[in-house]
Amino acid sequence: KFIVISQNVEEEGVNIPAGDIYYAENKKHVSWS
């Protein structure tokens, strides 16, 4: 749920844990910065 593991290490946002996880308007928002 909190990380995208990928062999394509040049892809943005992969292989790093989620930076922000918050809930708003009954939706879960996850951001990988």
All heavy atoms as atom14 arrays in JSON, in Angstrom:
{
  "sequence": "KFIVISQNVEEEGVNIPAGDIYYAENKKHVSWS",
  "atom14_mask": [
    [1, 1, 1, 1, 1, 1, 1, 1, 1, 0, 0, 0, 0, 0],
    [1, 1, 1, 1, 1, 1, 1, 1, 1, 1, 1, 0, 0, 0],
    [1, 1, 1, 1, 1, 1, 1, 1, 0, 0, 0, 0, 0, 0],
    [1, 1, 1, 1, 1, 1, 1, 0, 0, 0, 0, 0, 0, 0],
    [1, 1, 1, 1, 1, 1, 1, 1, 0, 0, 0, 0, 0, 0],
    [1, 1, 1, 1, 1, 1, 0, 0, 0, 0, 0, 0, 0, 0],
    [1, 1, 1, 1, 1, 1, 1, 1, 1, 0, 0, 0, 0, 0],
    [1, 1, 1, 1, 1, 1, 1, 1, 0, 0, 0, 0, 0, 0],
    [1, 1, 1, 1, 1, 1, 1, 0, 0, 0, 0, 0, 0, 0],
    [1, 1, 1, 1, 1, 1, 1, 1, 1, 0, 0, 0, 0, 0],
    [1, 1, 1, 1, 1, 1, 1, 1, 1, 0, 0, 0, 0, 0],
    [1, 1, 1, 1, 1, 1, 1, 1, 1, 0, 0, 0, 0, 0],
    [1, 1, 1, 1, 0, 0, 0, 0, 0, 0, 0, 0, 0, 0],
    [1, 1, 1, 1, 1, 1, 1, 0, 0, 0, 0, 0, 0, 0],
    [1, 1, 1, 1, 1, 1, 1, 1, 0, 0, 0, 0, 0, 0],
    [1, 1, 1, 1, 1, 1, 1, 1, 0, 0, 0, 0, 0, 0],
    [1, 1, 1, 1, 1, 1, 1, 0, 0, 0, 0, 0, 0, 0],
    [1, 1, 1, 1, 1, 0, 0, 0, 0, 0, 0, 0, 0, 0],
    [1, 1, 1, 1, 0, 0, 0, 0, 0, 0, 0, 0, 0, 0],
    [1, 1, 1, 1, 1, 1, 1, 1, 0, 0, 0, 0, 0, 0],
    [1, 1, 1, 1, 1, 1, 1, 1, 0, 0, 0, 0, 0, 0],
    [1, 1, 1, 1, 1, 1, 1, 1, 1, 1, 1, 1, 0, 0],
    [1, 1, 1, 1, 1, 1, 1, 1, 1, 1, 1, 1, 0, 0],
    [1, 1, 1, 1, 1, 0, 0, 0, 0, 0, 0, 0, 0, 0],
    [1, 1, 1, 1, 1, 1, 1, 1, 1, 0, 0, 0, 0, 0],
    [1, 1, 1, 1, 1, 1, 1, 1, 0, 0, 0, 0, 0, 0],
    [1, 1, 1, 1, 1, 1, 1, 1, 1, 0, 0, 0, 0, 0],
    [1, 1, 1, 1, 1, 1, 1, 1, 1, 0, 0, 0, 0, 0],
    [1, 1, 1, 1, 1, 1, 1, 1, 1, 1, 0, 0, 0, 0],
    [1, 1, 1, 1, 1, 1, 1, 0, 0, 0, 0, 0, 0, 0],
    [1, 1, 1, 1, 1, 1, 0, 0, 0, 0, 0, 0, 0, 0],
    [1, 1, 1, 1, 1, 1, 1, 1, 1, 1, 1, 1, 1, 1],
    [1, 1, 1, 1, 1, 1, 0, 0, 0, 0, 0, 0, 0, 0]
  ],
  "atom14_positions": [
    [[0.78, -1.23, 0.0], [0.0, 0.0, 0.0], [0.81, 1.29, 0.0], [0.27, 2.34, -0.3], [-0.92, 0.02, 1.22], [-1.94, -1.1, 1.19], [-2.9, -1.02, 2.32], [-3.89, -2.16, 2.21], [-4.93, -2.08, 3.18], [0.0, 0.0, 0.0], [0.0, 0.0, 0.0], [0.0, 0.0, 0.0], [0.0, 0.0, 0.0], [0.0, 0.0, 0.0]],
    [[2.08, 1.23, 0.35], [2.81, 2.47, 0.55], [4.07, 2.62, -0.28], [4.83, 3.55, -0.09], [3.17, 2.62, 2.04], [1.97, 2.64, 2.94], [1.58, 1.51, 3.63], [1.21, 3.79, 3.07], [0.47, 1.52, 4.45], [0.1, 3.81, 3.88], [-0.27, 2.68, 4.58], [0.0, 0.0, 0.0], [0.0, 0.0, 0.0], [0.0, 0.0, 0.0]],
    [[4.31, 1.68, -1.18], [5.5, 1.78, -2.03], [5.25, 1.04, -3.34], [4.51, 0.05, -3.37], [6.75, 1.21, -1.31], [8.01, 1.62, -2.03], [6.67, -0.28, -1.13], [9.27, 1.41, -1.2], [0.0, 0.0, 0.0], [0.0, 0.0, 0.0], [0.0, 0.0, 0.0], [0.0, 0.0, 0.0], [0.0, 0.0, 0.0], [0.0, 0.0, 0.0]],
    [[5.84, 1.53, -4.4], [5.79, 0.85, -5.69], [7.21, 0.39, -6.0], [8.11, 1.2, -6.16], [5.29, 1.79, -6.81], [5.36, 1.11, -8.16], [3.88, 2.27, -6.52], [0.0, 0.0, 0.0], [0.0, 0.0, 0.0], [0.0, 0.0, 0.0], [0.0, 0.0, 0.0], [0.0, 0.0, 0.0], [0.0, 0.0, 0.0], [0.0, 0.0, 0.0]],
    [[7.4, -0.91, -6.02], [8.72, -1.48, -6.28], [8.78, -1.84, -7.76], [7.92, -2.55, -8.27], [8.98, -2.71, -5.4], [8.91, -2.29, -3.93], [10.32, -3.33, -5.72], [8.9, -3.43, -2.96], [0.0, 0.0, 0.0], [0.0, 0.0, 0.0], [0.0, 0.0, 0.0], [0.0, 0.0, 0.0], [0.0, 0.0, 0.0], [0.0, 0.0, 0.0]],
    [[9.81, -1.31, -8.43], [9.91, -1.51, -9.87], [11.36, -1.66, -10.28], [12.26, -1.04, -9.71], [9.3, -0.31, -10.59], [9.53, -0.37, -11.97], [0.0, 0.0, 0.0], [0.0, 0.0, 0.0], [0.0, 0.0, 0.0], [0.0, 0.0, 0.0], [0.0, 0.0, 0.0], [0.0, 0.0, 0.0], [0.0, 0.0, 0.0], [0.0, 0.0, 0.0]],
    [[11.58, -2.49, -11.31], [12.91, -2.63, -11.89], [13.3, -1.39, -12.67], [14.48, -1.11, -12.84], [12.97, -3.85, -12.81], [12.83, -5.16, -12.11], [12.86, -6.32, -13.08], [12.85, -6.14, -14.3], [12.91, -7.52, -12.55], [0.0, 0.0, 0.0], [0.0, 0.0, 0.0], [0.0, 0.0, 0.0], [0.0, 0.0, 0.0], [0.0, 0.0, 0.0]],
    [[12.32, -0.66, -13.15], [12.58, 0.57, -13.9], [12.89, 1.68, -12.89], [12.02, 2.46, -12.52], [11.37, 0.92, -14.75], [11.62, 2.14, -15.62], [12.72, 2.66, -15.68], [10.57, 2.59, -16.28], [0.0, 0.0, 0.0], [0.0, 0.0, 0.0], [0.0, 0.0, 0.0], [0.0, 0.0, 0.0], [0.0, 0.0, 0.0], [0.0, 0.0, 0.0]],
    [[14.13, 1.74, -12.47], [14.52, 2.65, -11.4], [14.54, 4.11, -11.83], [14.62, 5.01, -10.99], [15.89, 2.26, -10.8], [15.79, 0.91, -10.13], [16.97, 2.28, -11.86], [0.0, 0.0, 0.0], [0.0, 0.0, 0.0], [0.0, 0.0, 0.0], [0.0, 0.0, 0.0], [0.0, 0.0, 0.0], [0.0, 0.0, 0.0], [0.0, 0.0, 0.0]],
    [[14.45, 4.38, -13.14], [14.44, 5.76, -13.62], [13.03, 6.36, -13.61], [12.86, 7.55, -13.8], [15.02, 5.85, -15.04], [16.5, 5.56, -15.09], [17.31, 6.6, -14.32], [17.03, 7.8, -14.43], [18.22, 6.18, -13.59], [0.0, 0.0, 0.0], [0.0, 0.0, 0.0], [0.0, 0.0, 0.0], [0.0, 0.0, 0.0], [0.0, 0.0, 0.0]],
    [[12.04, 5.55, -13.37], [10.66, 6.03, -13.33], [10.44, 6.85, -12.07], [10.88, 6.47, -10.98], [9.71, 4.83, -13.36], [8.26, 5.19, -13.49], [7.39, 3.94, -13.54], [7.92, 2.83, -13.58], [6.17, 4.11, -13.51], [0.0, 0.0, 0.0], [0.0, 0.0, 0.0], [0.0, 0.0, 0.0], [0.0, 0.0, 0.0], [0.0, 0.0, 0.0]],
    [[9.77, 7.97, -12.19], [9.55, 8.84, -11.04], [8.63, 8.18, -10.03], [7.63, 7.58, -10.37], [8.94, 10.16, -11.49], [9.87, 11.0, -12.33], [9.22, 12.29, -12.78], [8.04, 12.55, -12.45], [9.9, 13.05, -13.49], [0.0, 0.0, 0.0], [0.0, 0.0, 0.0], [0.0, 0.0, 0.0], [0.0, 0.0, 0.0], [0.0, 0.0, 0.0]],
    [[8.98, 8.29, -8.76], [8.13, 7.84, -7.67], [8.25, 6.39, -7.29], [7.63, 5.97, -6.31], [0.0, 0.0, 0.0], [0.0, 0.0, 0.0], [0.0, 0.0, 0.0], [0.0, 0.0, 0.0], [0.0, 0.0, 0.0], [0.0, 0.0, 0.0], [0.0, 0.0, 0.0], [0.0, 0.0, 0.0], [0.0, 0.0, 0.0], [0.0, 0.0, 0.0]],
    [[9.03, 5.6, -8.02], [9.14, 4.19, -7.67], [10.28, 3.96, -6.7], [11.23, 4.73, -6.63], [9.32, 3.29, -8.92], [8.13, 3.42, -9.85], [10.61, 3.61, -9.65], [0.0, 0.0, 0.0], [0.0, 0.0, 0.0], [0.0, 0.0, 0.0], [0.0, 0.0, 0.0], [0.0, 0.0, 0.0], [0.0, 0.0, 0.0], [0.0, 0.0, 0.0]],
    [[10.15, 2.9, -5.92], [11.16, 2.43, -4.98], [11.43, 3.41, -3.84], [12.48, 3.37, -3.22], [12.47, 2.08, -5.7], [12.26, 1.05, -6.77], [11.57, 0.06, -6.55], [12.82, 1.27, -7.93], [0.0, 0.0, 0.0], [0.0, 0.0, 0.0], [0.0, 0.0, 0.0], [0.0, 0.0, 0.0], [0.0, 0.0, 0.0], [0.0, 0.0, 0.0]],
    [[10.51, 4.28, -3.6], [10.58, 5.16, -2.44], [9.23, 5.1, -1.71], [8.19, 4.97, -2.34], [10.92, 6.62, -2.81], [9.91, 7.21, -3.78], [12.31, 6.73, -3.37], [10.12, 8.68, -4.09], [0.0, 0.0, 0.0], [0.0, 0.0, 0.0], [0.0, 0.0, 0.0], [0.0, 0.0, 0.0], [0.0, 0.0, 0.0], [0.0, 0.0, 0.0]],
    [[9.24, 5.14, -0.38], [7.97, 5.06, 0.35], [7.13, 6.31, 0.13], [7.64, 7.39, -0.18], [8.4, 4.92, 1.81], [9.82, 5.3, 1.86], [10.39, 5.19, 0.5], [0.0, 0.0, 0.0], [0.0, 0.0, 0.0], [0.0, 0.0, 0.0], [0.0, 0.0, 0.0], [0.0, 0.0, 0.0], [0.0, 0.0, 0.0], [0.0, 0.0, 0.0]],
    [[5.83, 6.14, 0.31], [4.91, 7.27, 0.14], [5.24, 8.38, 1.11], [5.56, 8.13, 2.28], [3.47, 6.8, 0.35], [0.0, 0.0, 0.0], [0.0, 0.0, 0.0], [0.0, 0.0, 0.0], [0.0, 0.0, 0.0], [0.0, 0.0, 0.0], [0.0, 0.0, 0.0], [0.0, 0.0, 0.0], [0.0, 0.0, 0.0], [0.0, 0.0, 0.0]],
    [[5.2, 9.6, 0.61], [5.53, 10.75, 1.45], [4.35, 11.24, 2.27], [4.5, 11.57, 3.44], [0.0, 0.0, 0.0], [0.0, 0.0, 0.0], [0.0, 0.0, 0.0], [0.0, 0.0, 0.0], [0.0, 0.0, 0.0], [0.0, 0.0, 0.0], [0.0, 0.0, 0.0], [0.0, 0.0, 0.0], [0.0, 0.0, 0.0], [0.0, 0.0, 0.0]],
    [[3.19, 11.28, 1.67], [2.0, 11.79, 2.34], [0.83, 10.85, 2.11], [0.57, 10.44, 0.99], [1.62, 13.18, 1.81], [2.68, 14.21, 2.08], [3.14, 14.28, 3.23], [3.06, 14.94, 1.15], [0.0, 0.0, 0.0], [0.0, 0.0, 0.0], [0.0, 0.0, 0.0], [0.0, 0.0, 0.0], [0.0, 0.0, 0.0], [0.0, 0.0, 0.0]],
    [[0.13, 10.54, 3.19], [-1.08, 9.73, 3.11], [-2.12, 10.44, 3.95], [-1.92, 10.67, 5.13], [-0.84, 8.31, 3.63], [0.27, 7.65, 2.83], [-2.12, 7.5, 3.58], [0.79, 6.38, 3.44], [0.0, 0.0, 0.0], [0.0, 0.0, 0.0], [0.0, 0.0, 0.0], [0.0, 0.0, 0.0], [0.0, 0.0, 0.0], [0.0, 0.0, 0.0]],
    [[-3.21, 10.84, 3.31], [-4.25, 11.53, 4.06], [-5.61, 11.2, 3.46], [-5.71, 10.73, 2.33], [-4.01, 13.03, 4.08], [-3.92, 13.68, 2.72], [-5.04, 14.24, 2.12], [-2.71, 13.72, 2.03], [-4.97, 14.83, 0.88], [-2.63, 14.31, 0.78], [-3.76, 14.86, 0.22], [-3.67, 15.43, -1.03], [0.0, 0.0, 0.0], [0.0, 0.0, 0.0]],
    [[-6.62, 11.43, 4.24], [-7.99, 11.15, 3.83], [-8.76, 12.45, 3.75], [-8.72, 13.27, 4.66], [-8.67, 10.21, 4.83], [-8.01, 8.86, 4.9], [-6.95, 8.62, 5.77], [-8.44, 7.82, 4.08], [-6.34, 7.38, 5.83], [-7.83, 6.58, 4.13], [-6.79, 6.37, 5.01], [-6.18, 5.15, 5.07], [0.0, 0.0, 0.0], [0.0, 0.0, 0.0]],
    [[-9.43, 12.64, 2.63], [-10.26, 13.83, 2.46], [-11.48, 13.44, 1.62], [-11.34, 12.73, 0.62], [-9.47, 14.93, 1.77], [0.0, 0.0, 0.0], [0.0, 0.0, 0.0], [0.0, 0.0, 0.0], [0.0, 0.0, 0.0], [0.0, 0.0, 0.0], [0.0, 0.0, 0.0], [0.0, 0.0, 0.0], [0.0, 0.0, 0.0], [0.0, 0.0, 0.0]],
    [[-12.62, 13.9, 2.03], [-13.87, 13.65, 1.32], [-14.07, 12.16, 1.03], [-14.38, 11.76, -0.08], [-13.89, 14.45, 0.01], [-13.76, 15.94, 0.22], [-13.56, 16.69, -1.08], [-13.62, 16.05, -2.16], [-13.35, 17.9, -1.02], [0.0, 0.0, 0.0], [0.0, 0.0, 0.0], [0.0, 0.0, 0.0], [0.0, 0.0, 0.0], [0.0, 0.0, 0.0]],
    [[-13.86, 11.34, 2.04], [-14.04, 9.89, 1.95], [-13.15, 9.23, 0.9], [-13.49, 8.17, 0.38], [-15.51, 9.53, 1.69], [-16.39, 9.95, 2.84], [-15.97, 9.91, 3.99], [-17.61, 10.35, 2.54], [0.0, 0.0, 0.0], [0.0, 0.0, 0.0], [0.0, 0.0, 0.0], [0.0, 0.0, 0.0], [0.0, 0.0, 0.0], [0.0, 0.0, 0.0]],
    [[-12.04, 9.88, 0.56], [-11.1, 9.3, -0.38], [-9.71, 9.29, 0.24], [-9.35, 10.2, 0.97], [-11.06, 10.1, -1.69], [-12.29, 9.98, -2.53], [-12.12, 10.71, -3.82], [-13.37, 10.59, -4.69], [-13.21, 11.3, -5.95], [0.0, 0.0, 0.0], [0.0, 0.0, 0.0], [0.0, 0.0, 0.0], [0.0, 0.0, 0.0], [0.0, 0.0, 0.0]],
    [[-8.98, 8.28, -0.1], [-7.58, 8.18, 0.38], [-6.68, 8.79, -0.68], [-6.75, 8.44, -1.85], [-7.23, 6.72, 0.62], [-5.83, 6.5, 1.1], [-5.58, 5.02, 1.32], [-4.17, 4.76, 1.75], [-3.91, 3.33, 1.9], [0.0, 0.0, 0.0], [0.0, 0.0, 0.0], [0.0, 0.0, 0.0], [0.0, 0.0, 0.0], [0.0, 0.0, 0.0]],
    [[-5.82, 9.69, -0.25], [-4.87, 10.33, -1.15], [-3.46, 9.94, -0.71], [-3.09, 10.13, 0.44], [-5.02, 11.85, -1.11], [-6.36, 12.32, -1.56], [-6.69, 12.48, -2.87], [-7.48, 12.63, -0.85], [-7.95, 12.9, -2.97], [-8.45, 12.99, -1.75], [0.0, 0.0, 0.0], [0.0, 0.0, 0.0], [0.0, 0.0, 0.0], [0.0, 0.0, 0.0]],
    [[-2.71, 9.4, -1.64], [-1.33, 9.01, -1.37], [-0.46, 9.73, -2.38], [-0.75, 9.74, -3.58], [-1.14, 7.48, -1.51], [0.29, 7.09, -1.21], [-2.11, 6.74, -0.63], [0.0, 0.0, 0.0], [0.0, 0.0, 0.0], [0.0, 0.0, 0.0], [0.0, 0.0, 0.0], [0.0, 0.0, 0.0], [0.0, 0.0, 0.0], [0.0, 0.0, 0.0]],
    [[0.6, 10.36, -1.9], [1.5, 11.04, -2.83], [2.92, 10.56, -2.63], [3.38, 10.37, -1.52], [1.42, 12.55, -2.65], [2.0, 12.94, -1.42], [0.0, 0.0, 0.0], [0.0, 0.0, 0.0], [0.0, 0.0, 0.0], [0.0, 0.0, 0.0], [0.0, 0.0, 0.0], [0.0, 0.0, 0.0], [0.0, 0.0, 0.0], [0.0, 0.0, 0.0]],
    [[3.57, 10.34, -3.74], [4.97, 9.97, -3.74], [5.74, 11.16, -4.28], [5.63, 11.5, -5.45], [5.21, 8.77, -4.66], [4.82, 7.47, -4.08], [5.62, 6.61, -3.43], [3.52, 6.87, -4.07], [4.93, 5.51, -3.02], [3.62, 5.64, -3.41], [2.28, 7.25, -4.56], [2.55, 4.8, -3.22], [1.21, 6.42, -4.37], [1.35, 5.2, -3.71]],
    [[6.48, 11.78, -3.43], [7.27, 12.92, -3.88], [8.73, 12.51, -3.94], [9.18, 11.67, -3.15], [7.09, 14.1, -2.94], [7.57, 13.77, -1.65], [0.0, 0.0, 0.0], [0.0, 0.0, 0.0], [0.0, 0.0, 0.0], [0.0, 0.0, 0.0], [0.0, 0.0, 0.0], [0.0, 0.0, 0.0], [0.0, 0.0, 0.0], [0.0, 0.0, 0.0]]
  ]
}
